[in-house]
C-alpha cells in the first residue's frame, strides 16, 4: 500500500481539482478513496454578508465538493470500485445566527 496522496489546492478551481485527481490516480494506478474535507466559515448577518464572502463560502463548501465528487467519480468509474467521502459540520443541519452564508436555509427565510 502506498502512502496517501495529499495536497494543498484551491478547490474552487475545477481544473486544479481535476489535475490533482489525475495525479493521485496515476501514483497508484487507481483511486480507492477520495475525501472532500475543505470548508470555510465566515460569520456575519445575512444583510452584512458581502458577495465576495458568499462566493468564497459557496465556492469552497459547495462547488469544491461538487468538483471533487466529479473528478473522483470519473477516475473511479473505470475501476468498478472506489469510495468518496464528503464531510460537513453540524452547522449544515443546525443554522445559527450569523451563519447565513455557511448554512443557508433550505427555503426562503423572509
C-alpha atoms as a PDB file:
ATOM      1  CA  UNK A   1       0.000   0.000   0.000  1.00  0.00           C
ATOM      2  CA  UNK A   2       1.334   3.410  -0.936  1.00  0.00           C
ATOM      3  CA  UNK A   3       1.175   6.479   1.259  1.00  0.00           C
ATOM      4  CA  UNK A   4      -1.926   8.616   0.741  1.00  0.00           C
ATOM      5  CA  UNK A   5      -1.677  11.480  -1.699  1.00  0.00           C
ATOM      6  CA  UNK A   6      -2.438  14.832  -0.099  1.00  0.00           C
ATOM      7  CA  UNK A   7      -2.212  18.335  -1.420  1.00  0.00           C
ATOM      8  CA  UNK A   8      -2.985  21.972  -0.966  1.00  0.00           C
ATOM      9  CA  UNK A   9      -5.113  23.445  -3.726  1.00  0.00           C
ATOM     10  CA  UNK A  10      -7.958  25.850  -4.334  1.00  0.00           C
ATOM     11  CA  UNK A  11     -10.965  23.540  -4.615  1.00  0.00           C
ATOM     12  CA  UNK A  12     -12.923  26.366  -6.260  1.00  0.00           C
ATOM     13  CA  UNK A  13     -10.682  25.815  -9.296  1.00  0.00           C
ATOM     14  CA  UNK A  14     -12.168  22.896 -11.216  1.00  0.00           C
ATOM     15  CA  UNK A  15      -9.010  22.407 -13.305  1.00  0.00           C
ATOM     16  CA  UNK A  16      -6.854  22.207 -10.155  1.00  0.00           C
ATOM     17  CA  UNK A  17      -9.146  19.564  -8.652  1.00  0.00           C
ATOM     18  CA  UNK A  18      -9.181  17.568 -11.904  1.00  0.00           C
ATOM     19  CA  UNK A  19      -5.384  17.734 -12.114  1.00  0.00           C
ATOM     20  CA  UNK A  20      -4.975  16.612  -8.506  1.00  0.00           C
ATOM     21  CA  UNK A  21      -7.316  13.648  -9.085  1.00  0.00           C
ATOM     22  CA  UNK A  22      -5.348  12.634 -12.192  1.00  0.00           C
ATOM     23  CA  UNK A  23      -2.028  12.838 -10.323  1.00  0.00           C
ATOM     24  CA  UNK A  24      -3.384  10.893  -7.337  1.00  0.00           C
ATOM     25  CA  UNK A  25      -4.779   8.187  -9.616  1.00  0.00           C
ATOM     26  CA  UNK A  26      -1.557   7.940 -11.608  1.00  0.00           C
ATOM     27  CA  UNK A  27       0.542   7.478  -8.490  1.00  0.00           C
ATOM     28  CA  UNK A  28      -1.044   4.119  -7.631  1.00  0.00           C
ATOM     29  CA  UNK A  29      -2.682   3.353 -10.992  1.00  0.00           C
ATOM     30  CA  UNK A  30      -6.071   3.667  -9.300  1.00  0.00           C
ATOM     31  CA  UNK A  31      -8.103   5.796  -6.898  1.00  0.00           C
ATOM     32  CA  UNK A  32      -9.599   3.905  -3.968  1.00  0.00           C
ATOM     33  CA  UNK A  33     -10.674   6.708  -1.616  1.00  0.00           C
ATOM     34  CA  UNK A  34     -11.324  10.408  -2.200  1.00  0.00           C
ATOM     35  CA  UNK A  35     -12.139  12.692   0.728  1.00  0.00           C
ATOM     36  CA  UNK A  36     -13.696  16.137   0.288  1.00  0.00           C
ATOM     37  CA  UNK A  37     -12.771  17.862   3.545  1.00  0.00           C
ATOM     38  CA  UNK A  38     -12.240  21.504   2.579  1.00  0.00           C
ATOM     39  CA  UNK A  39     -14.532  24.044   4.197  1.00  0.00           C
ATOM     40  CA  UNK A  40     -14.633  27.673   5.229  1.00  0.00           C
ATOM     41  CA  UNK A  41     -16.771  29.641   7.666  1.00  0.00           C
ATOM     42  CA  UNK A  42     -17.308  33.386   7.616  1.00  0.00           C
ATOM     43  CA  UNK A  43     -19.750  34.598  10.244  1.00  0.00           C
ATOM     44  CA  UNK A  44     -21.857  37.678   9.512  1.00  0.00           C
ATOM     45  CA  UNK A  45     -25.537  38.570   9.463  1.00  0.00           C
ATOM     46  CA  UNK A  46     -27.099  37.938   6.059  1.00  0.00           C
ATOM     47  CA  UNK A  47     -27.645  41.662   5.475  1.00  0.00           C
ATOM     48  CA  UNK A  48     -23.940  42.294   6.079  1.00  0.00           C
ATOM     49  CA  UNK A  49     -22.549  39.338   4.105  1.00  0.00           C
ATOM     50  CA  UNK A  50     -20.674  40.611   1.082  1.00  0.00           C
ATOM     51  CA  UNK A  51     -20.909  38.981  -2.313  1.00  0.00           C
ATOM     52  CA  UNK A  52     -17.190  38.207  -2.039  1.00  0.00           C
ATOM     53  CA  UNK A  53     -17.778  36.304   1.221  1.00  0.00           C
ATOM     54  CA  UNK A  54     -20.749  34.456  -0.231  1.00  0.00           C
ATOM     55  CA  UNK A  55     -18.712  33.490  -3.310  1.00  0.00           C
ATOM     56  CA  UNK A  56     -15.889  32.194  -1.103  1.00  0.00           C
ATOM     57  CA  UNK A  57     -18.115  30.121   1.198  1.00  0.00           C
ATOM     58  CA  UNK A  58     -20.260  28.638  -1.574  1.00  0.00           C
ATOM     59  CA  UNK A  59     -17.249  28.189  -3.837  1.00  0.00           C
ATOM     60  CA  UNK A  60     -15.305  26.118  -1.310  1.00  0.00           C
ATOM     61  CA  UNK A  61     -18.127  24.367   0.539  1.00  0.00           C
ATOM     62  CA  UNK A  62     -20.468  23.637  -2.366  1.00  0.00           C
ATOM     63  CA  UNK A  63     -18.607  23.867  -5.657  1.00  0.00           C
ATOM     64  CA  UNK A  64     -15.392  22.425  -4.225  1.00  0.00           C
ATOM     65  CA  UNK A  65     -17.244  19.342  -3.022  1.00  0.00           C
ATOM     66  CA  UNK A  66     -19.051  19.064  -6.358  1.00  0.00           C
ATOM     67  CA  UNK A  67     -15.800  19.324  -8.324  1.00  0.00           C
ATOM     68  CA  UNK A  68     -14.160  16.731  -6.058  1.00  0.00           C
ATOM     69  CA  UNK A  69     -17.024  14.268  -6.484  1.00  0.00           C
ATOM     70  CA  UNK A  70     -16.986  14.716 -10.251  1.00  0.00           C
ATOM     71  CA  UNK A  71     -13.209  14.306 -10.549  1.00  0.00           C
ATOM     72  CA  UNK A  72     -13.083  11.272  -8.271  1.00  0.00           C
ATOM     73  CA  UNK A  73     -16.113   9.741  -9.962  1.00  0.00           C
ATOM     74  CA  UNK A  74     -14.500   9.993 -13.377  1.00  0.00           C
ATOM     75  CA  UNK A  75     -11.322   8.389 -12.064  1.00  0.00           C
ATOM     76  CA  UNK A  76     -13.057   5.538 -10.207  1.00  0.00           C
ATOM     77  CA  UNK A  77     -15.766   4.741 -12.761  1.00  0.00           C
ATOM     78  CA  UNK A  78     -13.485   2.621 -14.934  1.00  0.00           C
ATOM     79  CA  UNK A  79     -12.196   0.686 -11.908  1.00  0.00           C
ATOM     80  CA  UNK A  80     -15.597  -0.580 -10.861  1.00  0.00           C
ATOM     81  CA  UNK A  81     -14.938   0.482  -7.256  1.00  0.00           C
ATOM     82  CA  UNK A  82     -13.934   3.400  -5.104  1.00  0.00           C
ATOM     83  CA  UNK A  83     -15.237   5.463  -2.214  1.00  0.00           C
ATOM     84  CA  UNK A  84     -15.974   9.188  -2.000  1.00  0.00           C
ATOM     85  CA  UNK A  85     -16.222  10.661   1.499  1.00  0.00           C
ATOM     86  CA  UNK A  86     -17.830  14.083   1.969  1.00  0.00           C
ATOM     87  CA  UNK A  87     -17.554  15.812   5.315  1.00  0.00           C
ATOM     88  CA  UNK A  88     -19.740  18.533   6.756  1.00  0.00           C
ATOM     89  CA  UNK A  89     -20.124  20.260  10.080  1.00  0.00           C
ATOM     90  CA  UNK A  90     -23.160  20.179  12.330  1.00  0.00           C
ATOM     91  CA  UNK A  91     -23.743  23.757  11.186  1.00  0.00           C
ATOM     92  CA  UNK A  92     -25.102  22.408   7.925  1.00  0.00           C
ATOM     93  CA  UNK A  93     -28.113  20.992   9.779  1.00  0.00           C
ATOM     94  CA  UNK A  94     -28.335  23.453  12.645  1.00  0.00           C
ATOM     95  CA  UNK A  95     -28.391  27.035  11.378  1.00  0.00           C
ATOM     96  CA  UNK A  96     -27.301  29.683  13.845  1.00  0.00           C
ATOM     97  CA  UNK A  97     -27.437  33.478  13.876  1.00  0.00           C
ATOM     98  CA  UNK A  98     -24.712  34.982  11.724  1.00  0.00           C
ATOM     99  CA  UNK A  99     -24.130  31.838   9.671  1.00  0.00           C
ATOM    100  CA  UNK A 100     -26.493  32.506   6.772  1.00  0.00           C
ATOM    101  CA  UNK A 101     -23.820  32.029   4.104  1.00  0.00           C
ATOM    102  CA  UNK A 102     -22.405  28.957   5.833  1.00  0.00           C
ATOM    103  CA  UNK A 103     -25.685  27.108   6.403  1.00  0.00           C
ATOM    104  CA  UNK A 104     -28.331  28.750   4.234  1.00  0.00           C
ATOM    105  CA  UNK A 105     -31.902  27.712   4.959  1.00  0.00           C
ATOM    106  CA  UNK A 106     -33.497  25.258   2.508  1.00  0.00           C
ATOM    107  CA  UNK A 107     -36.391  27.660   1.876  1.00  0.00           C
ATOM    108  CA  UNK A 108     -36.745  31.439   1.847  1.00  0.00           C
ATOM    109  CA  UNK A 109     -36.102  32.926   5.280  1.00  0.00           C
ATOM    110  CA  UNK A 110     -38.021  36.158   4.674  1.00  0.00           C
END
